Amino acid sequence: MLSIDDDGRTRLELCVRSLSPSGARSRQDAVLSRLSEFAERGTIADYDVRVWGTGIRPASPTARTEPGRAVLNRLSAFEDWAQRNEVSLDDAFRTSQADSTITGERHVERSFPVLTLAEFAGSDLRCVAPCWDADTAYSVEDCLDAIENGRTLTEEGRSTPVPVGEEYREATDASPDRDAGRSERSNPSAAPSPAGE
């Protein structure tokens, strides 16, 4: 699991969407293998793998639970980083609206991509992938390539302070609900198989 210290070494957080298409599993396996290799070689200090649902409704009762708030806080940190670095996450975390056939109410939902990678240096958020700037789409694999080559994925590379560790972990480990995140495993020497619930 991710630990907090001030050594500035790279730590990664991979969020894997549950109920992903079967074709995504080979890609998930490849990314998990690279994370394990990075940890074994000392390229990164450690990494954490989380499984979260297909999306979250920010105004739902689930979003007001501890796990739900933790996910929304994470999204807020991602968006703050994107704004500082003049990139967009909109194509990855899509916002949609749907009307309930039972209540007639309209719900706003944020969907999650199949894979999301967050790079941290200590408690600073350094990068989120996938993301887009005016000319380029950056994938999770692009982010891993940049880390392997000792560079920053985006041109500006402005970091964003964000909580990492106990506060987020305790909240997201509390529930496996579709609107929340949960830690699957975090042993850097043994990467887990992606969930395909």
C-alpha atoms as a PDB file:
ATOM      1  CA  MET A   1       0.000   0.000   0.000  1.00  0.00           C
ATOM      2  CA  LEU A   2       1.109   3.535  -0.639  1.00  0.00           C
ATOM      3  CA  SER A   3       3.096   5.098   2.177  1.00  0.00           C
ATOM      4  CA  ILE A   4       3.661   8.768   2.917  1.00  0.00           C
ATOM      5  CA  ASP A   5       7.149  10.138   3.288  1.00  0.00           C
ATOM      6  CA  ASP A   6       9.136  13.057   1.975  1.00  0.00           C
ATOM      7  CA  ASP A   7      11.808  11.206   0.031  1.00  0.00           C
ATOM      8  CA  GLY A   8      10.218  12.309  -3.241  1.00  0.00           C
ATOM      9  CA  ARG A   9      10.466   8.849  -4.814  1.00  0.00           C
ATOM     10  CA  THR A  10       7.867   7.857  -7.364  1.00  0.00           C
ATOM     11  CA  ARG A  11       4.817   5.971  -6.160  1.00  0.00           C
ATOM     12  CA  LEU A  12       2.041   4.834  -8.469  1.00  0.00           C
ATOM     13  CA  GLU A  13      -1.651   4.243  -7.958  1.00  0.00           C
ATOM     14  CA  LEU A  14      -3.443   2.176 -10.597  1.00  0.00           C
ATOM     15  CA  CYS A  15      -7.246   2.212 -10.629  1.00  0.00           C
ATOM     16  CA  VAL A  16      -8.779  -0.717 -12.495  1.00  0.00           C
ATOM     17  CA  ARG A  17     -12.433  -0.506 -13.487  1.00  0.00           C
ATOM     18  CA  SER A  18     -14.543  -3.502 -12.590  1.00  0.00           C
ATOM     19  CA  LEU A  19     -16.784  -5.020 -15.282  1.00  0.00           C
ATOM     20  CA  SER A  20     -14.240  -4.042 -17.920  1.00  0.00           C
ATOM     21  CA  PRO A  21     -14.625  -5.515 -21.416  1.00  0.00           C
ATOM     22  CA  SER A  22     -12.916  -8.892 -21.784  1.00  0.00           C
ATOM     23  CA  GLY A  23     -10.585  -7.411 -24.382  1.00  0.00           C
ATOM     24  CA  ALA A  24      -9.185  -5.017 -21.792  1.00  0.00           C
ATOM     25  CA  ARG A  25      -7.806  -7.762 -19.582  1.00  0.00           C
ATOM     26  CA  SER A  26      -4.635  -8.375 -21.591  1.00  0.00           C
ATOM     27  CA  ARG A  27      -3.880  -4.661 -21.415  1.00  0.00           C
ATOM     28  CA  GLN A  28      -4.522  -4.629 -17.667  1.00  0.00           C
ATOM     29  CA  ASP A  29      -2.216  -7.628 -17.237  1.00  0.00           C
ATOM     30  CA  ALA A  30       0.535  -5.910 -19.233  1.00  0.00           C
ATOM     31  CA  VAL A  31       0.310  -2.723 -17.149  1.00  0.00           C
ATOM     32  CA  LEU A  32       0.327  -4.697 -13.892  1.00  0.00           C
ATOM     33  CA  SER A  33       3.404  -6.619 -15.060  1.00  0.00           C
ATOM     34  CA  ARG A  34       5.218  -3.358 -15.749  1.00  0.00           C
ATOM     35  CA  LEU A  35       4.336  -2.010 -12.313  1.00  0.00           C
ATOM     36  CA  SER A  36       5.758  -5.156 -10.726  1.00  0.00           C
ATOM     37  CA  GLU A  37       8.927  -4.874 -12.821  1.00  0.00           C
ATOM     38  CA  PHE A  38       9.346  -1.198 -11.899  1.00  0.00           C
ATOM     39  CA  ALA A  39       9.064  -2.035  -8.201  1.00  0.00           C
ATOM     40  CA  GLU A  40      11.515  -4.930  -8.463  1.00  0.00           C
ATOM     41  CA  ARG A  41      14.080  -2.769 -10.301  1.00  0.00           C
ATOM     42  CA  GLY A  42      13.656   0.149  -7.916  1.00  0.00           C
ATOM     43  CA  THR A  43      12.320   2.434 -10.657  1.00  0.00           C
ATOM     44  CA  ILE A  44       9.469   3.257  -8.261  1.00  0.00           C
ATOM     45  CA  ALA A  45       9.233   3.063  -4.478  1.00  0.00           C
ATOM     46  CA  ASP A  46       5.971   1.117  -4.526  1.00  0.00           C
ATOM     47  CA  TYR A  47       2.523   0.980  -6.061  1.00  0.00           C
ATOM     48  CA  ASP A  48      -1.078   0.378  -5.127  1.00  0.00           C
ATOM     49  CA  VAL A  49      -3.837  -1.235  -7.176  1.00  0.00           C
ATOM     50  CA  ARG A  50      -7.467  -0.300  -6.624  1.00  0.00           C
ATOM     51  CA  VAL A  51     -10.632  -1.651  -8.165  1.00  0.00           C
ATOM     52  CA  TRP A  52     -13.505   0.770  -8.565  1.00  0.00           C
ATOM     53  CA  GLY A  53     -16.864   0.652 -10.287  1.00  0.00           C
ATOM     54  CA  THR A  54     -17.938   1.894 -13.686  1.00  0.00           C
ATOM     55  CA  GLY A  55     -18.732   5.361 -12.350  1.00  0.00           C
ATOM     56  CA  ILE A  56     -20.124   7.495  -9.559  1.00  0.00           C
ATOM     57  CA  ARG A  57     -23.166   9.726  -9.196  1.00  0.00           C
ATOM     58  CA  PRO A  58     -21.871  12.735  -7.218  1.00  0.00           C
ATOM     59  CA  ALA A  59     -25.305  13.529  -5.744  1.00  0.00           C
ATOM     60  CA  SER A  60     -26.175   9.949  -4.780  1.00  0.00           C
ATOM     61  CA  PRO A  61     -26.383   8.635  -1.195  1.00  0.00           C
ATOM     62  CA  THR A  62     -23.413   6.376  -1.972  1.00  0.00           C
ATOM     63  CA  ALA A  63     -21.301   9.402  -2.853  1.00  0.00           C
ATOM     64  CA  ARG A  64     -21.938  10.751   0.650  1.00  0.00           C
ATOM     65  CA  THR A  65     -20.420   7.676   2.287  1.00  0.00           C
ATOM     66  CA  GLU A  66     -16.755   7.601   3.280  1.00  0.00           C
ATOM     67  CA  PRO A  67     -15.719   5.528   0.246  1.00  0.00           C
ATOM     68  CA  GLY A  68     -17.786   7.728  -2.054  1.00  0.00           C
ATOM     69  CA  ARG A  69     -16.285  10.930  -0.660  1.00  0.00           C
ATOM     70  CA  ALA A  70     -12.804   9.468  -1.036  1.00  0.00           C
ATOM     71  CA  VAL A  71     -13.418   8.762  -4.725  1.00  0.00           C
ATOM     72  CA  LEU A  72     -14.850  12.253  -5.299  1.00  0.00           C
ATOM     73  CA  ASN A  73     -11.858  13.781  -3.503  1.00  0.00           C
ATOM     74  CA  ARG A  74      -9.555  11.793  -5.756  1.00  0.00           C
ATOM     75  CA  LEU A  75     -11.391  13.026  -8.849  1.00  0.00           C
ATOM     76  CA  SER A  76     -11.148  16.586  -7.546  1.00  0.00           C
ATOM     77  CA  ALA A  77      -7.384  16.216  -7.101  1.00  0.00           C
ATOM     78  CA  PHE A  78      -7.072  14.773 -10.609  1.00  0.00           C
ATOM     79  CA  GLU A  79      -9.012  17.714 -12.044  1.00  0.00           C
ATOM     80  CA  ASP A  80      -6.899  20.219 -10.104  1.00  0.00           C
ATOM     81  CA  TRP A  81      -3.755  18.632 -11.501  1.00  0.00           C
ATOM     82  CA  ALA A  82      -5.207  18.706 -15.036  1.00  0.00           C
ATOM     83  CA  GLN A  83      -6.067  22.394 -14.734  1.00  0.00           C
ATOM     84  CA  ARG A  84      -2.592  23.271 -13.446  1.00  0.00           C
ATOM     85  CA  ASN A  85      -1.013  21.408 -16.345  1.00  0.00           C
ATOM     86  CA  GLU A  86      -3.434  22.625 -19.024  1.00  0.00           C
ATOM     87  CA  VAL A  87      -4.597  19.137 -19.967  1.00  0.00           C
ATOM     88  CA  SER A  88      -8.041  17.549 -20.024  1.00  0.00           C
ATOM     89  CA  LEU A  89      -9.454  14.438 -18.365  1.00  0.00           C
ATOM     90  CA  ASP A  90     -12.928  14.875 -19.851  1.00  0.00           C
ATOM     91  CA  ASP A  91     -12.655  12.035 -22.368  1.00  0.00           C
ATOM     92  CA  ALA A  92     -11.593   9.626 -19.610  1.00  0.00           C
ATOM     93  CA  PHE A  93     -13.997  10.687 -16.860  1.00  0.00           C
ATOM     94  CA  ARG A  94     -17.073  11.424 -18.926  1.00  0.00           C
ATOM     95  CA  THR A  95     -20.056  13.249 -17.462  1.00  0.00           C
ATOM     96  CA  SER A  96     -23.492  12.047 -18.538  1.00  0.00           C
ATOM     97  CA  GLN A  97     -27.103  12.556 -17.477  1.00  0.00           C
ATOM     98  CA  ALA A  98     -29.859   9.968 -17.191  1.00  0.00           C
ATOM     99  CA  ASP A  99     -33.509  10.165 -16.152  1.00  0.00           C
ATOM    100  CA  SER A 100     -34.792   7.642 -13.630  1.00  0.00           C
ATOM    101  CA  THR A 101     -37.769   5.686 -14.964  1.00  0.00           C
ATOM    102  CA  ILE A 102     -38.971   5.244 -11.374  1.00  0.00           C
ATOM    103  CA  THR A 103     -38.651   8.725  -9.856  1.00  0.00           C
ATOM    104  CA  GLY A 104     -38.351  10.820 -12.995  1.00  0.00           C
ATOM    105  CA  GLU A 105     -35.315  12.527 -11.466  1.00  0.00           C
ATOM    106  CA  ARG A 106     -32.297  13.348 -13.581  1.00  0.00           C
ATOM    107  CA  HIS A 107     -28.962  11.974 -12.367  1.00  0.00           C
ATOM    108  CA  VAL A 108     -25.477  13.153 -13.285  1.00  0.00           C
ATOM    109  CA  GLU A 109     -22.874  10.398 -13.466  1.00  0.00           C
ATOM    110  CA  ARG A 110     -19.096  10.458 -13.885  1.00  0.00           C
ATOM    111  CA  SER A 111     -17.812   7.360 -15.653  1.00  0.00           C
ATOM    112  CA  PHE A 112     -14.385   5.831 -15.029  1.00  0.00           C
ATOM    113  CA  PRO A 113     -11.908   4.652 -17.677  1.00  0.00           C
ATOM    114  CA  VAL A 114     -10.758   1.037 -17.850  1.00  0.00           C
ATOM    115  CA  LEU A 115      -7.390   2.050 -16.361  1.00  0.00           C
ATOM    116  CA  THR A 116      -6.293   5.187 -14.546  1.00  0.00           C
ATOM    117  CA  LEU A 117      -2.722   5.784 -13.403  1.00  0.00           C
ATOM    118  CA  ALA A 118      -1.732   8.426 -10.863  1.00  0.00           C
ATOM    119  CA  GLU A 119       1.934   9.208 -10.243  1.00  0.00           C
ATOM    120  CA  PHE A 120       3.006  10.627  -6.894  1.00  0.00           C
ATOM    121  CA  ALA A 121       6.258  12.028  -5.521  1.00  0.00           C
ATOM    122  CA  GLY A 122       5.810  11.848  -1.765  1.00  0.00           C
ATOM    123  CA  SER A 123       2.349  13.330  -1.260  1.00  0.00           C
ATOM    124  CA  ASP A 124       2.394  15.385  -4.485  1.00  0.00           C
ATOM    125  CA  LEU A 125       0.366  14.271  -7.488  1.00  0.00           C
ATOM    126  CA  ARG A 126       2.692  14.438 -10.481  1.00  0.00           C
ATOM    127  CA  CYS A 127       0.658  12.927 -13.305  1.00  0.00           C
ATOM    128  CA  VAL A 128      -2.703  11.392 -14.193  1.00  0.00           C
ATOM    129  CA  ALA A 129      -3.275   9.230 -17.259  1.00  0.00           C
ATOM    130  CA  PRO A 130      -5.119   9.020 -19.547  1.00  0.00           C
ATOM    131  CA  CYS A 131      -5.172  12.739 -20.309  1.00  0.00           C
ATOM    132  CA  TRP A 132      -5.207  15.018 -23.342  1.00  0.00           C
ATOM    133  CA  ASP A 133      -3.664  18.335 -24.295  1.00  0.00           C
ATOM    134  CA  ALA A 134      -4.420  20.380 -27.404  1.00  0.00           C
ATOM    135  CA  ASP A 135      -2.445  18.074 -29.690  1.00  0.00           C
ATOM    136  CA  THR A 136      -1.740  14.803 -27.926  1.00  0.00           C
ATOM    137  CA  ALA A 137      -3.490  11.963 -26.115  1.00  0.00           C
ATOM    138  CA  TYR A 138      -1.435  10.454 -23.281  1.00  0.00           C
ATOM    139  CA  SER A 139      -2.208   6.885 -22.257  1.00  0.00           C
ATOM    140  CA  VAL A 140      -1.356   4.979 -19.094  1.00  0.00           C
ATOM    141  CA  GLU A 141       1.374   3.267 -21.103  1.00  0.00           C
ATOM    142  CA  ASP A 142       2.785   6.664 -22.169  1.00  0.00           C
ATOM    143  CA  CYS A 143       3.002   7.637 -18.516  1.00  0.00           C
ATOM    144  CA  LEU A 144       4.833   4.408 -17.678  1.00  0.00           C
ATOM    145  CA  ASP A 145       7.246   5.005 -20.582  1.00  0.00           C
ATOM    146  CA  ALA A 146       7.984   8.488 -19.247  1.00  0.00           C
ATOM    147  CA  ILE A 147       8.624   7.165 -15.731  1.00  0.00           C
ATOM    148  CA  GLU A 148      10.901   4.441 -17.085  1.00  0.00           C
ATOM    149  CA  ASN A 149      12.907   7.086 -18.956  1.00  0.00           C
ATOM    150  CA  GLY A 150      13.077   9.449 -15.979  1.00  0.00           C
ATOM    151  CA  ARG A 151      10.985  12.244 -17.431  1.00  0.00           C
ATOM    152  CA  THR A 152       7.657  13.977 -16.866  1.00  0.00           C
ATOM    153  CA  LEU A 153       4.782  13.042 -19.159  1.00  0.00           C
ATOM    154  CA  THR A 154       3.303  16.523 -19.608  1.00  0.00           C
ATOM    155  CA  GLU A 155       5.317  19.547 -20.623  1.00  0.00           C
ATOM    156  CA  GLU A 156       4.543  21.678 -17.567  1.00  0.00           C
ATOM    157  CA  GLY A 157       4.789  18.925 -14.975  1.00  0.00           C
ATOM    158  CA  ARG A 158       3.271  20.988 -12.158  1.00  0.00           C
ATOM    159  CA  SER A 159       2.527  18.827  -9.146  1.00  0.00           C
ATOM    160  CA  THR A 160      -0.568  19.029  -6.940  1.00  0.00           C
ATOM    161  CA  PRO A 161      -0.458  18.241  -3.204  1.00  0.00           C
ATOM    162  CA  VAL A 162      -3.022  15.538  -2.426  1.00  0.00           C
ATOM    163  CA  PRO A 163      -3.559  13.138   0.497  1.00  0.00           C
ATOM    164  CA  VAL A 164      -2.013   9.718  -0.026  1.00  0.00           C
ATOM    165  CA  GLY A 165      -2.137   6.785   2.357  1.00  0.00           C
ATOM    166  CA  GLU A 166      -4.220   6.162   5.445  1.00  0.00           C
ATOM    167  CA  GLU A 167      -6.957   8.773   4.895  1.00  0.00           C
ATOM    168  CA  TYR A 168      -7.756   7.595   1.374  1.00  0.00           C
ATOM    169  CA  ARG A 169      -6.994   3.930   1.942  1.00  0.00           C
ATOM    170  CA  GLU A 170      -9.254   3.525   4.979  1.00  0.00           C
ATOM    171  CA  ALA A 171     -12.176   5.127   3.167  1.00  0.00           C
ATOM    172  CA  THR A 172     -11.845   3.191  -0.062  1.00  0.00           C
ATOM    173  CA  ASP A 173     -11.210  -0.126   1.648  1.00  0.00           C
ATOM    174  CA  ALA A 174     -14.480   0.194   3.559  1.00  0.00           C
ATOM    175  CA  SER A 175     -16.824  -0.814   0.733  1.00  0.00           C
ATOM    176  CA  PRO A 176     -16.767  -2.567  -2.655  1.00  0.00           C
ATOM    177  CA  ASP A 177     -19.818  -0.622  -3.873  1.00  0.00           C
ATOM    178  CA  ARG A 178     -19.922   0.253  -7.587  1.00  0.00           C
ATOM    179  CA  ASP A 179     -19.649   3.923  -6.704  1.00  0.00           C
ATOM    180  CA  ALA A 180     -16.583   3.468  -4.539  1.00  0.00           C
ATOM    181  CA  GLY A 181     -13.009   2.268  -4.835  1.00  0.00           C
ATOM    182  CA  ARG A 182     -11.437  -0.638  -3.055  1.00  0.00           C
ATOM    183  CA  SER A 183      -7.889  -1.812  -2.679  1.00  0.00           C
ATOM    184  CA  GLU A 184      -7.341  -5.140  -4.405  1.00  0.00           C
ATOM    185  CA  ARG A 185      -3.747  -5.745  -3.369  1.00  0.00           C
ATOM    186  CA  SER A 186      -0.748  -3.543  -2.874  1.00  0.00           C
ATOM    187  CA  ASN A 187       2.195  -5.915  -2.640  1.00  0.00           C
ATOM    188  CA  PRO A 188       4.746  -4.466  -5.071  1.00  0.00           C
ATOM    189  CA  SER A 189       6.406  -7.842  -5.488  1.00  0.00           C
ATOM    190  CA  ALA A 190       3.238  -9.663  -6.551  1.00  0.00           C
ATOM    191  CA  ALA A 191       0.887  -7.829  -8.855  1.00  0.00           C
ATOM    192  CA  PRO A 192      -2.764  -8.898  -8.679  1.00  0.00           C
ATOM    193  CA  SER A 193      -4.807 -10.078 -11.590  1.00  0.00           C
ATOM    194  CA  PRO A 194      -7.278  -7.399 -12.715  1.00  0.00           C
ATOM    195  CA  ALA A 195     -10.819  -7.865 -11.562  1.00  0.00           C
ATOM    196  CA  GLY A 196     -13.368  -8.642 -14.230  1.00  0.00           C
ATOM    197  CA  GLU A 197     -16.471  -8.788 -12.079  1.00  0.00           C
END
